[in-house]
Amino acid sequence: MANRELEAIKKEIEALREEINTYIEYPEIFKEELVNTSNKIDILINKYIYLSK
């Protein structure tokens, strides 16, 4: 169960990284989106670390 959830978290982090790569081209326009997406990634990384212990 935990392995499936960890894999799902990894995939979600990768998808969010793709979003950031899109937004990074115009950071002044997408500042809010960059901050929100970065916060989502931080939350998922913390969840991943917690579940992998």
C-alpha atoms as a PDB file:
ATOM      1  CA  MET A   1       0.000   0.000   0.000  1.00  0.00           C
ATOM      2  CA  ALA A   2       2.688   2.476   1.002  1.00  0.00           C
ATOM      3  CA  ASN A   3       4.720   1.722  -2.138  1.00  0.00           C
ATOM      4  CA  ARG A   4       1.774   2.568  -4.378  1.00  0.00           C
ATOM      5  CA  GLU A   5       1.200   5.794  -2.497  1.00  0.00           C
ATOM      6  CA  LEU A   6       4.895   6.690  -2.727  1.00  0.00           C
ATOM      7  CA  GLU A   7       4.829   6.078  -6.490  1.00  0.00           C
ATOM      8  CA  ALA A   8       1.719   8.247  -6.827  1.00  0.00           C
ATOM      9  CA  ILE A   9       3.431  11.035  -4.888  1.00  0.00           C
ATOM     10  CA  LYS A  10       6.504  10.771  -7.120  1.00  0.00           C
ATOM     11  CA  LYS A  11       4.349  11.083 -10.240  1.00  0.00           C
ATOM     12  CA  GLU A  12       2.505  14.077  -8.813  1.00  0.00           C
ATOM     13  CA  ILE A  13       5.801  15.789  -7.941  1.00  0.00           C
ATOM     14  CA  GLU A  14       7.059  15.207 -11.484  1.00  0.00           C
ATOM     15  CA  ALA A  15       3.864  16.683 -12.936  1.00  0.00           C
ATOM     16  CA  LEU A  16       4.233  19.747 -10.715  1.00  0.00           C
ATOM     17  CA  ARG A  17       7.856  20.123 -11.788  1.00  0.00           C
ATOM     18  CA  GLU A  18       6.672  20.168 -15.394  1.00  0.00           C
ATOM     19  CA  GLU A  19       4.264  22.962 -14.483  1.00  0.00           C
ATOM     20  CA  ILE A  20       7.068  24.942 -12.859  1.00  0.00           C
ATOM     21  CA  ASN A  21       9.197  24.534 -15.978  1.00  0.00           C
ATOM     22  CA  THR A  22       6.357  26.061 -17.977  1.00  0.00           C
ATOM     23  CA  TYR A  23       5.870  28.959 -15.570  1.00  0.00           C
ATOM     24  CA  ILE A  24       9.589  29.682 -15.195  1.00  0.00           C
ATOM     25  CA  GLU A  25       9.731  31.091 -18.727  1.00  0.00           C
ATOM     26  CA  TYR A  26       7.666  34.082 -17.571  1.00  0.00           C
ATOM     27  CA  PRO A  27       8.199  34.325 -13.809  1.00  0.00           C
ATOM     28  CA  GLU A  28       6.847  37.867 -13.537  1.00  0.00           C
ATOM     29  CA  ILE A  29       3.530  36.796 -15.078  1.00  0.00           C
ATOM     30  CA  PHE A  30       3.239  33.465 -13.250  1.00  0.00           C
ATOM     31  CA  LYS A  31       4.634  34.490  -9.863  1.00  0.00           C
ATOM     32  CA  GLU A  32       1.583  33.302  -7.926  1.00  0.00           C
ATOM     33  CA  GLU A  33       1.443  30.005  -9.816  1.00  0.00           C
ATOM     34  CA  LEU A  34       5.152  29.420  -9.162  1.00  0.00           C
ATOM     35  CA  VAL A  35       4.703  30.008  -5.439  1.00  0.00           C
ATOM     36  CA  ASN A  36       1.604  27.793  -5.224  1.00  0.00           C
ATOM     37  CA  THR A  37       3.175  24.972  -7.217  1.00  0.00           C
ATOM     38  CA  SER A  38       6.379  25.178  -5.199  1.00  0.00           C
ATOM     39  CA  ASN A  39       4.371  24.942  -1.978  1.00  0.00           C
ATOM     40  CA  LYS A  40       2.526  21.877  -3.304  1.00  0.00           C
ATOM     41  CA  ILE A  41       5.852  20.224  -4.113  1.00  0.00           C
ATOM     42  CA  ASP A  42       7.156  20.979  -0.609  1.00  0.00           C
ATOM     43  CA  ILE A  43       4.066  19.406   0.954  1.00  0.00           C
ATOM     44  CA  LEU A  44       4.365  16.304  -1.239  1.00  0.00           C
ATOM     45  CA  ILE A  45       8.083  15.922  -0.505  1.00  0.00           C
ATOM     46  CA  ASN A  46       7.397  16.090   3.227  1.00  0.00           C
ATOM     47  CA  LYS A  47       4.617  13.523   2.855  1.00  0.00           C
ATOM     48  CA  TYR A  48       6.927  11.280   0.821  1.00  0.00           C
ATOM     49  CA  ILE A  49       9.644  11.496   3.462  1.00  0.00           C
ATOM     50  CA  TYR A  50       7.135  10.724   6.232  1.00  0.00           C
ATOM     51  CA  LEU A  51       5.712   7.698   4.415  1.00  0.00           C
ATOM     52  CA  SER A  52       9.102   6.319   3.458  1.00  0.00           C
ATOM     53  CA  LYS A  53      10.253   6.029   7.075  1.00  0.00           C
END
